[in-house]
Each structure stands twice: as C-alpha cells, then as structure tokens.
Amino acid sequence: MRYPIALAALALWLLAAPVSALAQSSEEIRALRTAIDALRESQQRLERDVAAIKNLLRAMPAAAPAPAPDDEPKDLVLSMEGDHTKGDTGAKLVLVDFTDYQ
C-alpha cells in the first residue's frame, strides 16, 4: 500500500517542480512588458504608415488603359545574307527556324 502513495507523491513533486523552476523574477517580467510595449508601438507605427500609403494610392488618378495591340500585319524585312538558306531568296514569305542542337 505504501508503494502507490510514494509513487503518487513522486509524481506530484515532479509536476510541481518545473513550475517553481520556471518562475520569473519581477525584473524579467518588467523587461518582457517593456519589450511588448515596444512591439505594440512599432506595430501602431506600421499601421499608420500603411494607412498613409493607402490614402496616397487612393488619391492617385487612375492610370490610362493600355493601348490595344495593333492587329494589323506589318511588313518585316529580315536580312539573311551570309546565312544558310534553302529555296528562293526573293520569296514573299520566309520561314526562319532558330535552333540550337547542343
């Protein structure tokens, strides 16, 4: 009967011991509060900066829409002098194949 009681007492002691070991002094608590206050102040400054940026963006005039692409075909002249070609060099349509066999 003494064995379960001793085991229970040991378990309670093990559970309670870390709590007292982790207790922080009032100096540490003050330092943590100071750090938390500094973080809060920094966060508030960031929130004010973001609000100012949003206001600036809202005040900007809307950008003009991009011009529509020109779908009209254009004449393109490409010089093939000195390159390997096959077929009529004066053809109206030339297919150019750029390849790299490496």
C-alpha atoms as a PDB file:
ATOM      1  CA  MET A   1       0.000   0.000   0.000  1.00  0.00           C
ATOM      2  CA  ARG A   2       2.917   2.378   0.644  1.00  0.00           C
ATOM      3  CA  TYR A   3       4.284   1.935  -2.894  1.00  0.00           C
ATOM      4  CA  PRO A   4       1.293   3.619  -4.727  1.00  0.00           C
ATOM      5  CA  ILE A   5       1.301   6.500  -2.224  1.00  0.00           C
ATOM      6  CA  ALA A   6       5.044   7.056  -2.700  1.00  0.00           C
ATOM      7  CA  LEU A   7       4.604   6.900  -6.463  1.00  0.00           C
ATOM      8  CA  ALA A   8       1.773   9.455  -6.333  1.00  0.00           C
ATOM      9  CA  ALA A   9       3.853  11.765  -4.121  1.00  0.00           C
ATOM     10  CA  LEU A  10       6.790  11.499  -6.525  1.00  0.00           C
ATOM     11  CA  ALA A  11       4.536  12.293  -9.495  1.00  0.00           C
ATOM     12  CA  LEU A  12       3.120  15.371  -7.742  1.00  0.00           C
ATOM     13  CA  TRP A  13       6.602  16.558  -6.841  1.00  0.00           C
ATOM     14  CA  LEU A  14       7.779  16.120 -10.454  1.00  0.00           C
ATOM     15  CA  LEU A  15       4.781  18.045 -11.769  1.00  0.00           C
ATOM     16  CA  ALA A  16       5.169  20.883  -9.275  1.00  0.00           C
ATOM     17  CA  ALA A  17       8.958  21.225  -9.508  1.00  0.00           C
ATOM     18  CA  PRO A  18       9.152  22.644 -13.065  1.00  0.00           C
ATOM     19  CA  VAL A  19       6.552  25.288 -12.256  1.00  0.00           C
ATOM     20  CA  SER A  20       8.649  26.753  -9.481  1.00  0.00           C
ATOM     21  CA  ALA A  21      11.788  26.473 -11.617  1.00  0.00           C
ATOM     22  CA  LEU A  22      10.168  28.458 -14.413  1.00  0.00           C
ATOM     23  CA  ALA A  23       9.009  31.303 -12.172  1.00  0.00           C
ATOM     24  CA  GLN A  24      10.320  34.646 -13.398  1.00  0.00           C
ATOM     25  CA  SER A  25      11.553  37.491 -11.293  1.00  0.00           C
ATOM     26  CA  SER A  26       9.768  40.834 -11.318  1.00  0.00           C
ATOM     27  CA  GLU A  27      12.724  42.306 -13.245  1.00  0.00           C
ATOM     28  CA  GLU A  28      12.253  39.758 -16.038  1.00  0.00           C
ATOM     29  CA  ILE A  29       8.530  40.436 -16.107  1.00  0.00           C
ATOM     30  CA  ARG A  30       9.145  44.203 -16.379  1.00  0.00           C
ATOM     31  CA  ALA A  31      11.623  43.631 -19.207  1.00  0.00           C
ATOM     32  CA  LEU A  32       9.072  41.480 -21.035  1.00  0.00           C
ATOM     33  CA  ARG A  33       6.373  44.125 -20.586  1.00  0.00           C
ATOM     34  CA  THR A  34       8.730  46.798 -21.902  1.00  0.00           C
ATOM     35  CA  ALA A  35       9.507  44.649 -24.940  1.00  0.00           C
ATOM     36  CA  ILE A  36       5.797  44.028 -25.550  1.00  0.00           C
ATOM     37  CA  ASP A  37       5.068  47.770 -25.290  1.00  0.00           C
ATOM     38  CA  ALA A  38       7.843  48.498 -27.807  1.00  0.00           C
ATOM     39  CA  LEU A  39       6.373  45.903 -30.184  1.00  0.00           C
ATOM     40  CA  ARG A  40       2.913  47.440 -29.828  1.00  0.00           C
ATOM     41  CA  GLU A  41       4.278  50.896 -30.585  1.00  0.00           C
ATOM     42  CA  SER A  42       6.143  49.581 -33.615  1.00  0.00           C
ATOM     43  CA  GLN A  43       3.016  47.833 -34.857  1.00  0.00           C
ATOM     44  CA  GLN A  44       0.980  51.037 -34.473  1.00  0.00           C
ATOM     45  CA  ARG A  45       3.590  52.990 -36.468  1.00  0.00           C
ATOM     46  CA  LEU A  46       3.437  50.369 -39.216  1.00  0.00           C
ATOM     47  CA  GLU A  47      -0.347  50.527 -39.270  1.00  0.00           C
ATOM     48  CA  ARG A  48      -0.203  54.338 -39.594  1.00  0.00           C
ATOM     49  CA  ASP A  49       2.327  54.034 -42.436  1.00  0.00           C
ATOM     50  CA  VAL A  50       0.142  51.509 -44.268  1.00  0.00           C
ATOM     51  CA  ALA A  51      -2.901  53.770 -43.844  1.00  0.00           C
ATOM     52  CA  ALA A  52      -0.915  56.725 -45.249  1.00  0.00           C
ATOM     53  CA  ILE A  53       0.212  54.651 -48.245  1.00  0.00           C
ATOM     54  CA  LYS A  54      -3.373  53.551 -48.882  1.00  0.00           C
ATOM     55  CA  ASN A  55      -4.551  57.171 -48.785  1.00  0.00           C
ATOM     56  CA  LEU A  56      -1.832  58.191 -51.247  1.00  0.00           C
ATOM     57  CA  LEU A  57      -2.785  55.369 -53.605  1.00  0.00           C
ATOM     58  CA  ARG A  58      -6.466  56.288 -53.414  1.00  0.00           C
ATOM     59  CA  ALA A  59      -5.648  59.921 -54.227  1.00  0.00           C
ATOM     60  CA  MET A  60      -3.672  58.997 -57.353  1.00  0.00           C
ATOM     61  CA  PRO A  61      -5.526  59.329 -60.646  1.00  0.00           C
ATOM     62  CA  ALA A  62      -6.394  56.092 -62.338  1.00  0.00           C
ATOM     63  CA  ALA A  63      -3.855  55.003 -64.918  1.00  0.00           C
ATOM     64  CA  ALA A  64      -4.878  55.255 -68.522  1.00  0.00           C
ATOM     65  CA  PRO A  65      -5.742  51.892 -70.030  1.00  0.00           C
ATOM     66  CA  ALA A  66      -3.033  50.309 -72.113  1.00  0.00           C
ATOM     67  CA  PRO A  67      -3.492  50.801 -75.840  1.00  0.00           C
ATOM     68  CA  ALA A  68      -4.963  47.872 -77.696  1.00  0.00           C
ATOM     69  CA  PRO A  69      -2.393  45.802 -79.552  1.00  0.00           C
ATOM     70  CA  ASP A  70      -2.124  46.588 -83.229  1.00  0.00           C
ATOM     71  CA  ASP A  71      -3.522  43.546 -85.004  1.00  0.00           C
ATOM     72  CA  GLU A  72      -2.662  44.873 -88.439  1.00  0.00           C
ATOM     73  CA  PRO A  73       0.025  42.823 -90.182  1.00  0.00           C
ATOM     74  CA  LYS A  74       3.279  44.643 -90.744  1.00  0.00           C
ATOM     75  CA  ASP A  75       5.949  44.157 -93.338  1.00  0.00           C
ATOM     76  CA  LEU A  76       9.099  42.845 -91.758  1.00  0.00           C
ATOM     77  CA  VAL A  77      12.396  42.805 -93.570  1.00  0.00           C
ATOM     78  CA  LEU A  78      14.963  40.357 -92.286  1.00  0.00           C
ATOM     79  CA  SER A  79      18.338  40.081 -93.874  1.00  0.00           C
ATOM     80  CA  MET A  80      19.509  36.502 -94.393  1.00  0.00           C
ATOM     81  CA  GLU A  81      22.701  37.395 -96.237  1.00  0.00           C
ATOM     82  CA  GLY A  82      25.517  35.022 -95.439  1.00  0.00           C
ATOM     83  CA  ASP A  83      23.229  32.562 -93.652  1.00  0.00           C
ATOM     84  CA  HIS A  84      22.385  29.076 -94.851  1.00  0.00           C
ATOM     85  CA  THR A  85      19.144  29.154 -96.782  1.00  0.00           C
ATOM     86  CA  LYS A  86      17.104  26.781 -98.854  1.00  0.00           C
ATOM     87  CA  GLY A  87      14.735  27.879-101.599  1.00  0.00           C
ATOM     88  CA  ASP A  88      14.035  31.162-103.334  1.00  0.00           C
ATOM     89  CA  THR A  89      15.713  34.084-101.557  1.00  0.00           C
ATOM     90  CA  GLY A  90      13.169  36.506-103.026  1.00  0.00           C
ATOM     91  CA  ALA A  91      10.096  34.724-101.638  1.00  0.00           C
ATOM     92  CA  LYS A  92       7.303  36.862-100.176  1.00  0.00           C
ATOM     93  CA  LEU A  93       7.078  34.665 -97.101  1.00  0.00           C
ATOM     94  CA  VAL A  94      10.122  33.253 -95.349  1.00  0.00           C
ATOM     95  CA  LEU A  95      10.048  30.750 -92.506  1.00  0.00           C
ATOM     96  CA  VAL A  96      13.009  31.211 -90.195  1.00  0.00           C
ATOM     97  CA  ASP A  97      13.848  28.399 -87.787  1.00  0.00           C
ATOM     98  CA  PHE A  98      16.231  29.213 -84.960  1.00  0.00           C
ATOM     99  CA  THR A  99      17.522  26.011 -83.416  1.00  0.00           C
ATOM    100  CA  ASP A 100      20.345  25.003 -81.120  1.00  0.00           C
ATOM    101  CA  TYR A 101      21.442  21.377 -81.248  1.00  0.00           C
ATOM    102  CA  GLN A 102      23.674  21.459 -78.191  1.00  0.00           C
END
